[in-house]
């Protein structure tokens, strides 16, 4: 069982990277994504969603907080929690129900709800901007 990944990649390789993450951590459906603005969090979610069978447009749910994408074998929930002021707001939108729904959950700005995340079922992904087309991805299991 893979416990962590540390990969330096070119943006053109994002589809392969996304596939590798889903396959390596195939027993988990909750993924947190951290990294500076422009590091590629939403781009990675787009590639992971495509690998899972989603063919539509993926956009950051900055204003809606959560976007829902239908895939052949279920659902993806894509969160951007940047605008949340407190945990109460996450609970108000039913955040815990999403987590325990059995659907894929991709969560940007997870530090806002860290204590709500089920520790043994989460893959954490941190993205770092290295150069114009070059990124570093670190992924690990809680």
Protein backbone atom coordinates (compact mmCIF):
# COMPACT_ATOMS: atom_id res chain seq x y z
CA UNK A 1 0.00 0.00 0.00
CA UNK A 2 1.41 3.40 -1.04
CA UNK A 3 1.57 5.81 1.85
CA UNK A 4 2.99 8.82 0.01
CA UNK A 5 4.01 10.26 -3.33
CA UNK A 6 6.50 13.02 -4.13
CA UNK A 7 6.52 13.91 -7.82
CA UNK A 8 7.94 16.76 -9.88
CA UNK A 9 6.08 17.08 -13.16
CA UNK A 10 5.35 19.27 -16.15
CA UNK A 11 1.77 20.56 -16.53
CA UNK A 12 1.41 18.62 -19.78
CA UNK A 13 1.69 15.45 -17.67
CA UNK A 14 -1.27 16.33 -15.42
CA UNK A 15 -3.58 13.64 -16.85
CA UNK A 16 -1.05 10.91 -16.11
CA UNK A 17 -0.41 12.32 -12.63
CA UNK A 18 -4.15 12.42 -11.87
CA UNK A 19 -4.63 8.84 -13.02
CA UNK A 20 -1.69 7.72 -10.87
CA UNK A 21 -3.11 9.39 -7.77
CA UNK A 22 -6.54 7.80 -8.17
CA UNK A 23 -5.00 4.38 -8.85
CA UNK A 24 -2.39 4.54 -6.06
CA UNK A 25 -4.93 5.61 -3.44
CA UNK A 26 -7.86 3.62 -4.82
CA UNK A 27 -9.27 2.83 -1.39
CA UNK A 28 -9.91 6.52 -0.57
CA UNK A 29 -12.37 8.98 -2.03
CA UNK A 30 -11.63 12.09 0.02
CA UNK A 31 -8.76 14.24 -1.26
CA UNK A 32 -7.65 17.55 0.20
CA UNK A 33 -5.69 19.97 -1.98
CA UNK A 34 -3.45 22.71 -0.65
CA UNK A 35 -1.01 25.03 -2.34
CA UNK A 36 -0.55 28.63 -3.31
CA UNK A 37 -2.83 30.35 -5.79
CA UNK A 38 -1.83 29.23 -9.26
CA UNK A 39 -0.22 25.99 -8.08
CA UNK A 40 -2.77 23.94 -10.01
CA UNK A 41 -5.32 22.66 -7.48
CA UNK A 42 -8.35 23.11 -9.73
CA UNK A 43 -6.41 21.87 -12.74
CA UNK A 44 -5.60 18.66 -10.86
CA UNK A 45 -9.25 18.26 -9.83
CA UNK A 46 -10.19 18.68 -13.49
CA UNK A 47 -7.79 15.91 -14.53
CA UNK A 48 -8.84 13.58 -11.70
CA UNK A 49 -12.51 14.14 -12.55
CA UNK A 50 -11.85 13.38 -16.22
CA UNK A 51 -10.09 10.15 -15.29
CA UNK A 52 -13.14 9.17 -13.21
CA UNK A 53 -15.36 9.72 -16.27
CA UNK A 54 -16.60 13.29 -15.95
CA UNK A 55 -16.80 14.95 -19.37
CA UNK A 56 -18.13 18.39 -18.46
CA UNK A 57 -16.54 21.64 -17.40
CA UNK A 58 -14.82 21.76 -14.00
CA UNK A 59 -14.50 25.15 -12.39
CA UNK A 60 -13.50 26.31 -8.95
CA UNK A 61 -16.58 26.57 -6.74
CA UNK A 62 -15.29 29.76 -5.13
CA UNK A 63 -18.73 31.33 -4.88
CA UNK A 64 -20.95 28.26 -4.72
CA UNK A 65 -18.66 26.52 -2.17
CA UNK A 66 -19.40 23.10 -3.74
CA UNK A 67 -19.90 21.86 -7.29
CA UNK A 68 -21.39 18.48 -8.07
CA UNK A 69 -20.27 16.39 -11.05
CA UNK A 70 -21.97 13.17 -12.14
CA UNK A 71 -19.71 10.30 -13.18
CA UNK A 72 -20.64 6.83 -14.47
CA UNK A 73 -20.30 5.17 -11.07
CA UNK A 74 -21.38 7.97 -8.77
CA UNK A 75 -20.74 11.57 -7.93
CA UNK A 76 -17.87 13.97 -7.35
CA UNK A 77 -18.19 16.87 -4.92
CA UNK A 78 -15.65 19.64 -5.50
CA UNK A 79 -15.28 22.09 -2.62
CA UNK A 80 -13.55 25.46 -2.43
CA UNK A 81 -13.78 26.46 1.23
CA UNK A 82 -11.81 29.70 0.92
CA UNK A 83 -14.80 31.92 1.68
CA UNK A 84 -15.98 30.02 4.77
CA UNK A 85 -15.70 32.10 7.91
CA UNK A 86 -16.03 29.23 10.39
CA UNK A 87 -16.84 25.56 10.82
CA UNK A 88 -20.50 26.38 11.41
CA UNK A 89 -20.84 27.47 7.80
CA UNK A 90 -19.44 24.13 6.64
CA UNK A 91 -21.91 22.29 8.85
CA UNK A 92 -24.75 24.48 7.51
CA UNK A 93 -24.12 23.27 3.95
CA UNK A 94 -24.09 19.64 5.10
CA UNK A 95 -20.34 19.16 4.74
CA UNK A 96 -20.26 16.02 6.88
CA UNK A 97 -23.04 14.42 4.83
CA UNK A 98 -20.97 14.96 1.69
CA UNK A 99 -17.92 13.37 3.36
CA UNK A 100 -19.81 10.24 4.39
CA UNK A 101 -21.85 9.93 1.18
CA UNK A 102 -19.42 7.49 -0.45
CA UNK A 103 -18.84 9.98 -3.28
CA UNK A 104 -15.49 11.42 -4.30
CA UNK A 105 -14.76 14.66 -2.45
CA UNK A 106 -12.06 17.02 -3.68
CA UNK A 107 -11.52 19.76 -1.09
CA UNK A 108 -9.60 22.97 -1.68
CA UNK A 109 -8.71 25.02 1.44
CA UNK A 110 -9.24 22.01 3.76
CA UNK A 111 -7.57 23.70 6.73
CA UNK A 112 -10.89 25.47 7.36
CA UNK A 113 -12.51 22.11 8.23
CA UNK A 114 -9.53 19.97 9.25
CA UNK A 115 -11.11 18.66 12.44
CA UNK A 116 -14.19 17.45 10.50
CA UNK A 117 -12.18 15.24 8.13
CA UNK A 118 -12.17 11.49 8.89
CA UNK A 119 -8.45 10.93 9.50
CA UNK A 120 -8.07 7.40 8.18
CA UNK A 121 -9.90 8.03 4.92
CA UNK A 122 -8.23 11.18 3.59
CA UNK A 123 -5.47 11.69 1.04
CA UNK A 124 -3.72 15.03 1.42
CA UNK A 125 -2.22 16.63 -1.67
CA UNK A 126 0.06 19.65 -1.58
CA UNK A 127 1.02 21.37 -4.81
CA UNK A 128 3.99 23.69 -5.18
CA UNK A 129 4.73 26.03 -8.06
CA UNK A 130 8.34 25.43 -9.19
CA UNK A 131 8.42 27.18 -12.58
CA UNK A 132 6.06 28.30 -15.33
CA UNK A 133 5.09 24.75 -16.37
CA UNK A 134 6.69 22.75 -13.54
CA UNK A 135 5.04 21.66 -10.28
CA UNK A 136 5.78 19.46 -7.30
CA UNK A 137 3.08 17.25 -5.87
CA UNK A 138 3.26 15.61 -2.47
CA UNK A 139 0.45 13.23 -1.51
CA UNK A 140 0.07 11.25 1.69
CA UNK A 141 -2.47 9.32 3.64
CA UNK A 142 -3.60 10.67 7.02
